[in-house]
Amino acid sequence: MKHRMHPESLMMSYGYKPQLSEGAVKPPIFQTSTFCFHSAEEGKAFFELAYGLREKGIQEEQGLIYSRINNPNLEILENRLCLWDKAAEGAVFESGMSAISTVMLE
């Protein structure tokens, strides 16, 4: 029988890949506002997806574009909270007003 880890144990590293952050074992605090793209086309695609101008393609990932829209720390938190609550998706906001606005506009 395979041992299943508790959510408390899984949350210690879930949603974070050290090789993407200079090998840091724990997630660093990302204090940046903007992120680079491999090409202008990639940047355009990320913005279109973030603003709902098109549907997400198969195997396509939402890229980082601007910290008010998405941020590595928020993505890690969303992934861990989804794991904890056994949810398919989640949303974390940087302010109460952005959360309220999103709920009211949806």
PDB file of N, CA and C in Angstrom:
ATOM      1  N   MET A   1       0.844  -1.178   0.000  1.00  0.00           N
ATOM      2  CA  MET A   1       0.000   0.000   0.000  1.00  0.00           C
ATOM      3  C   MET A   1       0.891   1.245   0.000  1.00  0.00           C
ATOM      4  N   LYS A   2       0.554   2.187  -0.827  1.00  0.00           N
ATOM      5  CA  LYS A   2       1.334   3.409  -0.954  1.00  0.00           C
ATOM      6  C   LYS A   2       0.944   4.395   0.151  1.00  0.00           C
ATOM      7  N   HIS A   3       1.947   4.980   0.782  1.00  0.00           N
ATOM      8  CA  HIS A   3       1.698   5.943   1.854  1.00  0.00           C
ATOM      9  C   HIS A   3       1.228   7.270   1.262  1.00  0.00           C
ATOM     10  N   ARG A   4       0.129   7.797   1.767  1.00  0.00           N
ATOM     11  CA  ARG A   4      -0.388   9.085   1.303  1.00  0.00           C
ATOM     12  C   ARG A   4      -0.026  10.162   2.314  1.00  0.00           C
ATOM     13  N   MET A   5       0.560  11.219   1.820  1.00  0.00           N
ATOM     14  CA  MET A   5       0.966  12.313   2.703  1.00  0.00           C
ATOM     15  C   MET A   5      -0.241  13.183   3.047  1.00  0.00           C
ATOM     16  N   HIS A   6      -0.221  13.732   4.238  1.00  0.00           N
ATOM     17  CA  HIS A   6      -1.267  14.645   4.680  1.00  0.00           C
ATOM     18  C   HIS A   6      -1.106  15.988   3.974  1.00  0.00           C
ATOM     19  N   PRO A   7      -2.196  16.743   3.793  1.00  0.00           N
ATOM     20  CA  PRO A   7      -2.097  18.064   3.165  1.00  0.00           C
ATOM     21  C   PRO A   7      -1.106  18.982   3.876  1.00  0.00           C
ATOM     22  N   GLU A   8      -1.000  18.857   5.201  1.00  0.00           N
ATOM     23  CA  GLU A   8      -0.061  19.690   5.955  1.00  0.00           C
ATOM     24  C   GLU A   8       1.375  19.463   5.487  1.00  0.00           C
ATOM     25  N   SER A   9       1.709  18.210   5.183  1.00  0.00           N
ATOM     26  CA  SER A   9       3.054  17.880   4.705  1.00  0.00           C
ATOM     27  C   SER A   9       3.248  18.320   3.260  1.00  0.00           C
ATOM     28  N   LEU A  10       2.245  18.087   2.439  1.00  0.00           N
ATOM     29  CA  LEU A  10       2.342  18.446   1.028  1.00  0.00           C
ATOM     30  C   LEU A  10       2.490  19.953   0.827  1.00  0.00           C
ATOM     31  N   MET A  11       1.859  20.735   1.687  1.00  0.00           N
ATOM     32  CA  MET A  11       1.882  22.189   1.528  1.00  0.00           C
ATOM     33  C   MET A  11       3.262  22.794   1.747  1.00  0.00           C
ATOM     34  N   MET A  12       4.174  22.067   2.340  1.00  0.00           N
ATOM     35  CA  MET A  12       5.516  22.599   2.595  1.00  0.00           C
ATOM     36  C   MET A  12       6.267  22.908   1.304  1.00  0.00           C
ATOM     37  N   SER A  13       5.986  22.166   0.230  1.00  0.00           N
ATOM     38  CA  SER A  13       6.728  22.395  -1.013  1.00  0.00           C
ATOM     39  C   SER A  13       5.842  22.465  -2.251  1.00  0.00           C
ATOM     40  N   TYR A  14       4.564  22.258  -2.103  1.00  0.00           N
ATOM     41  CA  TYR A  14       3.667  22.190  -3.259  1.00  0.00           C
ATOM     42  C   TYR A  14       3.601  23.523  -4.011  1.00  0.00           C
ATOM     43  N   GLY A  15       3.623  23.450  -5.332  1.00  0.00           N
ATOM     44  CA  GLY A  15       3.463  24.630  -6.164  1.00  0.00           C
ATOM     45  C   GLY A  15       4.708  25.464  -6.354  1.00  0.00           C
ATOM     46  N   TYR A  16       5.856  24.955  -5.928  1.00  0.00           N
ATOM     47  CA  TYR A  16       7.102  25.716  -6.037  1.00  0.00           C
ATOM     48  C   TYR A  16       8.203  24.815  -6.562  1.00  0.00           C
ATOM     49  N   LYS A  17       8.946  25.309  -7.554  1.00  0.00           N
ATOM     50  CA  LYS A  17      10.061  24.551  -8.132  1.00  0.00           C
ATOM     51  C   LYS A  17      11.355  25.309  -7.861  1.00  0.00           C
ATOM     52  N   PRO A  18      12.212  24.818  -6.963  1.00  0.00           N
ATOM     53  CA  PRO A  18      13.454  25.520  -6.624  1.00  0.00           C
ATOM     54  C   PRO A  18      14.340  25.836  -7.825  1.00  0.00           C
ATOM     55  N   GLN A  19      14.364  24.966  -8.834  1.00  0.00           N
ATOM     56  CA  GLN A  19      15.227  25.211  -9.987  1.00  0.00           C
ATOM     57  C   GLN A  19      14.811  26.465 -10.760  1.00  0.00           C
ATOM     58  N   LEU A  20      13.587  26.943 -10.572  1.00  0.00           N
ATOM     59  CA  LEU A  20      13.147  28.170 -11.243  1.00  0.00           C
ATOM     60  C   LEU A  20      13.525  29.424 -10.460  1.00  0.00           C
ATOM     61  N   SER A  21      14.045  29.265  -9.256  1.00  0.00           N
ATOM     62  CA  SER A  21      14.390  30.409  -8.405  1.00  0.00           C
ATOM     63  C   SER A  21      15.788  30.271  -7.836  1.00  0.00           C
ATOM     64  N   GLU A  22      16.755  30.114  -8.716  1.00  0.00           N
ATOM     65  CA  GLU A  22      18.165  30.055  -8.320  1.00  0.00           C
ATOM     66  C   GLU A  22      18.456  28.958  -7.309  1.00  0.00           C
ATOM     67  N   GLY A  23      17.602  27.940  -7.235  1.00  0.00           N
ATOM     68  CA  GLY A  23      17.831  26.817  -6.346  1.00  0.00           C
ATOM     69  C   GLY A  23      17.433  27.048  -4.900  1.00  0.00           C
ATOM     70  N   ALA A  24      16.769  28.166  -4.606  1.00  0.00           N
ATOM     71  CA  ALA A  24      16.329  28.438  -3.233  1.00  0.00           C
ATOM     72  C   ALA A  24      15.334  27.365  -2.796  1.00  0.00           C
ATOM     73  N   VAL A  25      15.567  26.765  -1.624  1.00  0.00           N
ATOM     74  CA  VAL A  25      14.715  25.680  -1.148  1.00  0.00           C
ATOM     75  C   VAL A  25      13.311  26.181  -0.824  1.00  0.00           C
ATOM     76  N   LYS A  26      13.206  27.316  -0.189  1.00  0.00           N
ATOM     77  CA  LYS A  26      11.909  27.913   0.137  1.00  0.00           C
ATOM     78  C   LYS A  26      11.618  29.036  -0.852  1.00  0.00           C
ATOM     79  N   PRO A  27      10.341  29.281  -1.164  1.00  0.00           N
ATOM     80  CA  PRO A  27      10.017  30.340  -2.122  1.00  0.00           C
ATOM     81  C   PRO A  27      10.475  31.712  -1.623  1.00  0.00           C
ATOM     82  N   PRO A  28      11.198  32.456  -2.468  1.00  0.00           N
ATOM     83  CA  PRO A  28      11.580  33.811  -2.080  1.00  0.00           C
ATOM     84  C   PRO A  28      10.377  34.743  -2.204  1.00  0.00           C
ATOM     85  N   ILE A  29      10.486  35.927  -1.641  1.00  0.00           N
ATOM     86  CA  ILE A  29       9.448  36.942  -1.809  1.00  0.00           C
ATOM     87  C   ILE A  29       9.772  37.696  -3.091  1.00  0.00           C
ATOM     88  N   PHE A  30       8.885  37.622  -4.063  1.00  0.00           N
ATOM     89  CA  PHE A  30       9.101  38.291  -5.343  1.00  0.00           C
ATOM     90  C   PHE A  30       8.604  39.728  -5.237  1.00  0.00           C
ATOM     91  N   GLN A  31       9.527  40.680  -5.187  1.00  0.00           N
ATOM     92  CA  GLN A  31       9.174  42.090  -5.034  1.00  0.00           C
ATOM     93  C   GLN A  31       9.326  42.838  -6.350  1.00  0.00           C
ATOM     94  N   THR A  32       8.935  42.226  -7.419  1.00  0.00           N
ATOM     95  CA  THR A  32       9.027  42.865  -8.724  1.00  0.00           C
ATOM     96  C   THR A  32       7.628  43.148  -9.248  1.00  0.00           C
ATOM     97  N   SER A  33       7.527  44.115 -10.138  1.00  0.00           N
ATOM     98  CA  SER A  33       6.214  44.435 -10.695  1.00  0.00           C
ATOM     99  C   SER A  33       6.039  43.899 -12.106  1.00  0.00           C
ATOM    100  N   THR A  34       7.130  43.741 -12.838  1.00  0.00           N
ATOM    101  CA  THR A  34       7.019  43.323 -14.232  1.00  0.00           C
ATOM    102  C   THR A  34       7.921  42.127 -14.517  1.00  0.00           C
ATOM    103  N   PHE A  35       7.586  41.405 -15.566  1.00  0.00           N
ATOM    104  CA  PHE A  35       8.305  40.197 -15.940  1.00  0.00           C
ATOM    105  C   PHE A  35       8.626  40.241 -17.430  1.00  0.00           C
ATOM    106  N   CYS A  36       9.669  39.536 -17.846  1.00  0.00           N
ATOM    107  CA  CYS A  36      10.081  39.546 -19.255  1.00  0.00           C
ATOM    108  C   CYS A  36       9.396  38.416 -20.020  1.00  0.00           C
ATOM    109  N   PHE A  37       9.376  38.565 -21.341  1.00  0.00           N
ATOM    110  CA  PHE A  37       8.803  37.568 -22.242  1.00  0.00           C
ATOM    111  C   PHE A  37       9.884  37.114 -23.211  1.00  0.00           C
ATOM    112  N   HIS A  38       9.727  35.924 -23.760  1.00  0.00           N
ATOM    113  CA  HIS A  38      10.667  35.427 -24.770  1.00  0.00           C
ATOM    114  C   HIS A  38      10.498  36.174 -26.087  1.00  0.00           C
ATOM    115  N   SER A  39       9.278  36.663 -26.339  1.00  0.00           N
ATOM    116  CA  SER A  39       9.015  37.401 -27.573  1.00  0.00           C
ATOM    117  C   SER A  39       7.811  38.313 -27.357  1.00  0.00           C
ATOM    118  N   ALA A  40       7.610  39.252 -28.276  1.00  0.00           N
ATOM    119  CA  ALA A  40       6.445  40.137 -28.209  1.00  0.00           C
ATOM    120  C   ALA A  40       5.156  39.337 -28.375  1.00  0.00           C
ATOM    121  N   GLU A  41       5.194  38.306 -29.201  1.00  0.00           N
ATOM    122  CA  GLU A  41       4.020  37.460 -29.414  1.00  0.00           C
ATOM    123  C   GLU A  41       3.625  36.734 -28.128  1.00  0.00           C
ATOM    124  N   GLU A  42       4.623  36.264 -27.385  1.00  0.00           N
ATOM    125  CA  GLU A  42       4.348  35.589 -26.116  1.00  0.00           C
ATOM    126  C   GLU A  42       3.721  36.574 -25.131  1.00  0.00           C
ATOM    127  N   GLY A  43       4.251  37.789 -25.055  1.00  0.00           N
ATOM    128  CA  GLY A  43       3.680  38.811 -24.181  1.00  0.00           C
ATOM    129  C   GLY A  43       2.246  39.122 -24.548  1.00  0.00           C
ATOM    130  N   LYS A  44       1.980  39.262 -25.834  1.00  0.00           N
ATOM    131  CA  LYS A  44       0.617  39.532 -26.301  1.00  0.00           C
ATOM    132  C   LYS A  44      -0.322  38.399 -25.890  1.00  0.00           C
ATOM    133  N   ALA A  45       0.129  37.165 -26.080  1.00  0.00           N
ATOM    134  CA  ALA A  45      -0.693  36.004 -25.725  1.00  0.00           C
ATOM    135  C   ALA A  45      -0.990  35.976 -24.226  1.00  0.00           C
ATOM    136  N   PHE A  46       0.004  36.292 -23.394  1.00  0.00           N
ATOM    137  CA  PHE A  46      -0.202  36.311 -21.943  1.00  0.00           C
ATOM    138  C   PHE A  46      -1.229  37.370 -21.551  1.00  0.00           C
ATOM    139  N   PHE A  47      -1.129  38.571 -22.132  1.00  0.00           N
ATOM    140  CA  PHE A  47      -2.074  39.644 -21.815  1.00  0.00           C
ATOM    141  C   PHE A  47      -3.483  39.295 -22.285  1.00  0.00           C
ATOM    142  N   GLU A  48      -3.614  38.720 -23.473  1.00  0.00           N
ATOM    143  CA  GLU A  48      -4.936  38.331 -23.973  1.00  0.00           C
ATOM    144  C   GLU A  48      -5.590  37.321 -23.039  1.00  0.00           C
ATOM    145  N   LEU A  49      -4.825  36.378 -22.563  1.00  0.00           N
ATOM    146  CA  LEU A  49      -5.340  35.362 -21.652  1.00  0.00           C
ATOM    147  C   LEU A  49      -5.719  35.976 -20.305  1.00  0.00           C
ATOM    148  N   ALA A  50      -4.862  36.849 -19.781  1.00  0.00           N
ATOM    149  CA  ALA A  50      -5.109  37.469 -18.477  1.00  0.00           C
ATOM    150  C   ALA A  50      -6.357  38.343 -18.488  1.00  0.00           C
ATOM    151  N   TYR A  51      -6.623  39.011 -19.589  1.00  0.00           N
ATOM    152  CA  TYR A  51      -7.770  39.913 -19.673  1.00  0.00           C
ATOM    153  C   TYR A  51      -8.998  39.270 -20.301  1.00  0.00           C
ATOM    154  N   GLY A  52      -8.963  37.962 -20.493  1.00  0.00           N
ATOM    155  CA  GLY A  52     -10.128  37.239 -20.987  1.00  0.00           C
ATOM    156  C   GLY A  52     -10.472  37.502 -22.441  1.00  0.00           C
ATOM    157  N   LEU A  53      -9.490  37.892 -23.237  1.00  0.00           N
ATOM    158  CA  LEU A  53      -9.743  38.178 -24.649  1.00  0.00           C
ATOM    159  C   LEU A  53      -9.741  36.915 -25.504  1.00  0.00           C
ATOM    160  N   ARG A  54      -9.296  35.808 -24.925  1.00  0.00           N
ATOM    161  CA  ARG A  54      -9.325  34.523 -25.617  1.00  0.00           C
ATOM    162  C   ARG A  54      -9.292  33.409 -24.579  1.00  0.00           C
ATOM    163  N   GLU A  55      -9.655  32.220 -25.019  1.00  0.00           N
ATOM    164  CA  GLU A  55      -9.654  31.042 -24.150  1.00  0.00           C
ATOM    165  C   GLU A  55      -8.251  30.450 -24.059  1.00  0.00           C
ATOM    166  N   LYS A  56      -7.969  29.813 -22.944  1.00  0.00           N
ATOM    167  CA  LYS A  56      -6.679  29.153 -22.742  1.00  0.00           C
ATOM    168  C   LYS A  56      -6.599  27.909 -23.615  1.00  0.00           C
ATOM    169  N   GLY A  57      -5.479  27.756 -24.310  1.00  0.00           N
ATOM    170  CA  GLY A  57      -5.275  26.599 -25.174  1.00  0.00           C
ATOM    171  C   GLY A  57      -4.884  25.357 -24.387  1.00  0.00           C
ATOM    172  N   ILE A  58      -4.912  24.227 -25.059  1.00  0.00           N
ATOM    173  CA  ILE A  58      -4.515  22.963 -24.441  1.00  0.00           C
ATOM    174  C   ILE A  58      -3.031  23.040 -24.088  1.00  0.00           C
ATOM    175  N   GLN A  59      -2.692  22.633 -22.886  1.00  0.00           N
ATOM    176  CA  GLN A  59      -1.307  22.635 -22.382  1.00  0.00           C
ATOM    177  C   GLN A  59      -0.710  24.038 -22.242  1.00  0.00           C
ATOM    178  N   GLU A  60      -1.518  25.087 -22.358  1.00  0.00           N
ATOM    179  CA  GLU A  60      -1.014  26.452 -22.248  1.00  0.00           C
ATOM    180  C   GLU A  60      -1.036  26.895 -20.791  1.00  0.00           C
ATOM    181  N   GLU A  61       0.011  27.557 -20.372  1.00  0.00           N
ATOM    182  CA  GLU A  61       0.110  28.069 -19.010  1.00  0.00           C
ATOM    183  C   GLU A  61      -0.051  29.582 -19.014  1.00  0.00           C
ATOM    184  N   GLN A  62      -0.660  30.102 -17.966  1.00  0.00           N
ATOM    185  CA  GLN A  62      -0.757  31.548 -17.801  1.00  0.00           C
ATOM    186  C   GLN A  62       0.614  32.071 -17.409  1.00  0.00           C
ATOM    187  N   GLY A  63       1.160  32.961 -18.186  1.00  0.00           N
ATOM    188  CA  GLY A  63       2.478  33.507 -17.895  1.00  0.00           C
ATOM    189  C   GLY A  63       2.413  34.687 -16.938  1.00  0.00           C
ATOM    190  N   LEU A  64       3.538  35.020 -16.360  1.00  0.00           N
ATOM    191  CA  LEU A  64       3.634  36.172 -15.472  1.00  0.00           C
ATOM    192  C   LEU A  64       3.802  37.425 -16.317  1.00  0.00           C
ATOM    193  N   ILE A  65       2.978  38.458 -16.037  1.00  0.00           N
ATOM    194  CA  ILE A  65       3.087  39.681 -16.822  1.00  0.00           C
ATOM    195  C   ILE A  65       3.239  40.929 -15.965  1.00  0.00           C
ATOM    196  N   TYR A  66       2.445  41.047 -14.915  1.00  0.00           N
ATOM    197  CA  TYR A  66       2.470  42.247 -14.087  1.00  0.00           C
ATOM    198  C   TYR A  66       1.923  41.867 -12.716  1.00  0.00           C
ATOM    199  N   SER A  67       2.554  42.307 -11.648  1.00  0.00           N
ATOM    200  CA  SER A  67       2.215  41.826 -10.303  1.00  0.00           C
ATOM    201  C   SER A  67       0.800  42.158  -9.844  1.00  0.00           C
ATOM    202  N   ARG A  68       0.164  43.142 -10.431  1.00  0.00           N
ATOM    203  CA  ARG A  68      -1.233  43.403 -10.066  1.00  0.00           C
ATOM    204  C   ARG A  68      -2.169  42.358 -10.652  1.00  0.00           C
ATOM    205  N   ILE A  69      -1.697  41.656 -11.664  1.00  0.00           N
ATOM    206  CA  ILE A  69      -2.513  40.630 -12.317  1.00  0.00           C
ATOM    207  C   ILE A  69      -2.181  39.248 -11.763  1.00  0.00           C
ATOM    208  N   ASN A  70      -0.906  38.921 -11.743  1.00  0.00           N
ATOM    209  CA  ASN A  70      -0.464  37.652 -11.160  1.00  0.00           C
ATOM    210  C   ASN A  70       0.973  37.803 -10.672  1.00  0.00           C
ATOM    211  N   ASN A  71       1.322  36.982  -9.710  1.00  0.00           N
ATOM    212  CA  ASN A  71       2.609  37.093  -9.040  1.00  0.00           C
ATOM    213  C   ASN A  71       3.018  35.685  -8.608  1.00  0.00           C
ATOM    214  N   PRO A  72       4.302  35.340  -8.678  1.00  0.00           N
ATOM    215  CA  PRO A  72       4.716  33.984  -8.289  1.00  0.00           C
ATOM    216  C   PRO A  72       4.283  33.601  -6.873  1.00  0.00           C
ATOM    217  N   ASN A  73       4.373  34.537  -5.925  1.00  0.00           N
ATOM    218  CA  ASN A  73       3.975  34.213  -4.555  1.00  0.00           C
ATOM    219  C   ASN A  73       2.480  33.922  -4.458  1.00  0.00           C
ATOM    220  N   LEU A  74       1.666  34.689  -5.179  1.00  0.00           N
ATOM    221  CA  LEU A  74       0.224  34.445  -5.158  1.00  0.00           C
ATOM    222  C   LEU A  74      -0.119  33.116  -5.826  1.00  0.00           C
ATOM    223  N   GLU A  75       0.593  32.777  -6.891  1.00  0.00           N
ATOM    224  CA  GLU A  75       0.341  31.496  -7.558  1.00  0.00           C
ATOM    225  C   GLU A  75       0.681  30.317  -6.649  1.00  0.00           C
ATOM    226  N   ILE A  76       1.765  30.427  -5.907  1.00  0.00           N
ATOM    227  CA  ILE A  76       2.137  29.370  -4.957  1.00  0.00           C
ATOM    228  C   ILE A  76       1.059  29.241  -3.885  1.00  0.00           C
ATOM    229  N   LEU A  77       0.591  30.379  -3.360  1.00  0.00           N
ATOM    230  CA  LEU A  77      -0.459  30.361  -2.341  1.00  0.00           C
ATOM    231  C   LEU A  77      -1.747  29.761  -2.895  1.00  0.00           C
ATOM    232  N   GLU A  78      -2.146  30.163  -4.108  1.00  0.00           N
ATOM    233  CA  GLU A  78      -3.348  29.591  -4.722  1.00  0.00           C
ATOM    234  C   GLU A  78      -3.231  28.075  -4.847  1.00  0.00           C
ATOM    235  N   ASN A  79      -2.084  27.603  -5.337  1.00  0.00           N
ATOM    236  CA  ASN A  79      -1.879  26.155  -5.496  1.00  0.00           C
ATOM    237  C   ASN A  79      -1.967  25.424  -4.161  1.00  0.00           C
ATOM    238  N   ARG A  80      -1.382  25.996  -3.134  1.00  0.00           N
ATOM    239  CA  ARG A  80      -1.392  25.332  -1.823  1.00  0.00           C
ATOM    240  C   ARG A  80      -2.776  25.357  -1.187  1.00  0.00           C
ATOM    241  N   LEU A  81      -3.511  26.452  -1.351  1.00  0.00           N
ATOM    242  CA  LEU A  81      -4.866  26.507  -0.801  1.00  0.00           C
ATOM    243  C   LEU A  81      -5.794  25.538  -1.530  1.00  0.00           C
ATOM    244  N   CYS A  82      -5.602  25.388  -2.843  1.00  0.00           N
ATOM    245  CA  CYS A  82      -6.395  24.408  -3.597  1.00  0.00           C
ATOM    246  C   CYS A  82      -6.101  22.993  -3.113  1.00  0.00           C
ATOM    247  N   LEU A  83      -4.837  22.709  -2.850  1.00  0.00           N
ATOM    248  CA  LEU A  83      -4.453  21.405  -2.313  1.00  0.00           C
ATOM    249  C   LEU A  83      -5.127  21.179  -0.959  1.00  0.00           C
ATOM    250  N   TRP A  84      -5.066  22.174  -0.097  1.00  0.00           N
ATOM    251  CA  TRP A  84      -5.625  22.080   1.252  1.00  0.00           C
ATOM    252  C   TRP A  84      -7.132  21.838   1.214  1.00  0.00           C
ATOM    253  N   ASP A  85      -7.843  22.592   0.338  1.00  0.00           N
ATOM    254  CA  ASP A  85      -9.300  22.485   0.257  1.00  0.00           C
ATOM    255  C   ASP A  85      -9.777  21.447  -0.751  1.00  0.00           C
ATOM    256  N   LYS A  86      -8.826  20.778  -1.411  1.00  0.00           N
ATOM    257  CA  LYS A  86      -9.158  19.801  -2.457  1.00  0.00           C
ATOM    258  C   LYS A  86     -10.023  20.448  -3.539  1.00  0.00           C
ATOM    259  N   ALA A  87      -9.647  21.662  -3.928  1.00  0.00           N
ATOM    260  CA  ALA A  87     -10.367  22.414  -4.955  1.00  0.00           C
ATOM    261  C   ALA A  87      -9.627  22.332  -6.284  1.00  0.00           C
ATOM    262  N   ALA A  88     -10.358  22.455  -7.370  1.00  0.00           N
ATOM    263  CA  ALA A  88      -9.746  22.423  -8.703  1.00  0.00           C
ATOM    264  C   ALA A  88      -9.007  23.723  -8.996  1.00  0.00           C
ATOM    265  N   GLU A  89      -9.576  24.850  -8.583  1.00  0.00           N
ATOM    266  CA  GLU A  89      -8.971  26.153  -8.832  1.00  0.00           C
ATOM    267  C   GLU A  89      -9.275  27.083  -7.673  1.00  0.00           C
ATOM    268  N   GLY A  90      -8.497  28.149  -7.581  1.00  0.00           N
ATOM    269  CA  GLY A  90      -8.710  29.142  -6.543  1.00  0.00           C
ATOM    270  C   GLY A  90      -8.230  30.496  -7.016  1.00  0.00           C
ATOM    271  N   ALA A  91      -8.564  31.522  -6.267  1.00  0.00           N
ATOM    272  CA  ALA A  91      -8.129  32.878  -6.603  1.00  0.00           C
ATOM    273  C   ALA A  91      -7.736  33.607  -5.327  1.00  0.00           C
ATOM    274  N   VAL A  92      -6.594  34.257  -5.374  1.00  0.00           N
ATOM    275  CA  VAL A  92      -6.096  35.059  -4.262  1.00  0.00           C
ATOM    276  C   VAL A  92      -5.916  36.473  -4.798  1.00  0.00           C
ATOM    277  N   PHE A  93      -6.256  37.466  -4.001  1.00  0.00           N
ATOM    278  CA  PHE A  93      -6.161  38.857  -4.430  1.00  0.00           C
ATOM    279  C   PHE A  93      -5.222  39.623  -3.519  1.00  0.00           C
ATOM    280  N   GLU A  94      -4.605  40.664  -4.070  1.00  0.00           N
ATOM    281  CA  GLU A  94      -3.656  41.455  -3.293  1.00  0.00           C
ATOM    282  C   GLU A  94      -4.337  42.490  -2.416  1.00  0.00           C
ATOM    283  N   SER A  95      -5.617  42.742  -2.652  1.00  0.00           N
ATOM    284  CA  SER A  95      -6.331  43.695  -1.803  1.00  0.00           C
ATOM    285  C   SER A  95      -7.794  43.287  -1.714  1.00  0.00           C
ATOM    286  N   GLY A  96      -8.439  43.757  -0.668  1.00  0.00           N
ATOM    287  CA  GLY A  96      -9.858  43.479  -0.498  1.00  0.00           C
ATOM    288  C   GLY A  96     -10.697  44.098  -1.598  1.00  0.00           C
ATOM    289  N   MET A  97     -10.305  45.292  -2.042  1.00  0.00           N
ATOM    290  CA  MET A  97     -11.062  45.968  -3.091  1.00  0.00           C
ATOM    291  C   MET A  97     -10.988  45.209  -4.415  1.00  0.00           C
ATOM    292  N   SER A  98      -9.840  44.649  -4.724  1.00  0.00           N
ATOM    293  CA  SER A  98      -9.754  43.885  -5.978  1.00  0.00           C
ATOM    294  C   SER A  98     -10.603  42.618  -5.887  1.00  0.00           C
ATOM    295  N   ALA A  99     -10.670  42.003  -4.726  1.00  0.00           N
ATOM    296  CA  ALA A  99     -11.522  40.824  -4.546  1.00  0.00           C
ATOM    297  C   ALA A  99     -12.993  41.200  -4.693  1.00  0.00           C
ATOM    298  N   ILE A 100     -13.402  42.295  -4.050  1.00  0.00           N
ATOM    299  CA  ILE A 100     -14.794  42.752  -4.136  1.00  0.00           C
ATOM    300  C   ILE A 100     -15.149  43.113  -5.573  1.00  0.00           C
ATOM    301  N   SER A 101     -14.272  43.852  -6.244  1.00  0.00           N
ATOM    302  CA  SER A 101     -14.527  44.253  -7.633  1.00  0.00           C
ATOM    303  C   SER A 101     -14.681  43.037  -8.533  1.00  0.00           C
ATOM    304  N   THR A 102     -13.841  42.047  -8.352  1.00  0.00           N
ATOM    305  CA  THR A 102     -13.912  40.841  -9.174  1.00  0.00           C
ATOM    306  C   THR A 102     -15.228  40.110  -8.958  1.00  0.00           C
ATOM    307  N   VAL A 103     -15.645  39.989  -7.713  1.00  0.00           N
ATOM    308  CA  VAL A 103     -16.909  39.310  -7.412  1.00  0.00           C
ATOM    309  C   VAL A 103     -18.081  40.074  -8.006  1.00  0.00           C
ATOM    310  N   MET A 104     -18.065  41.391  -7.891  1.00  0.00           N
ATOM    311  CA  MET A 104     -19.177  42.203  -8.382  1.00  0.00           C
ATOM    312  C   MET A 104     -19.237  42.232  -9.910  1.00  0.00           C
ATOM    313  N   LEU A 105     -18.091  42.171 -10.577  1.00  0.00           N
ATOM    314  CA  LEU A 105     -18.065  42.254 -12.036  1.00  0.00           C
ATOM    315  C   LEU A 105     -18.288  40.912 -12.713  1.00  0.00           C
ATOM    316  N   GLU A 106     -18.131  39.826 -11.986  1.00  0.00           N
ATOM    317  CA  GLU A 106     -18.318  38.501 -12.591  1.00  0.00           C
ATOM    318  C   GLU A 106     -19.746  38.189 -12.706  1.00  0.00           C
TER     319      GLU A 106
END
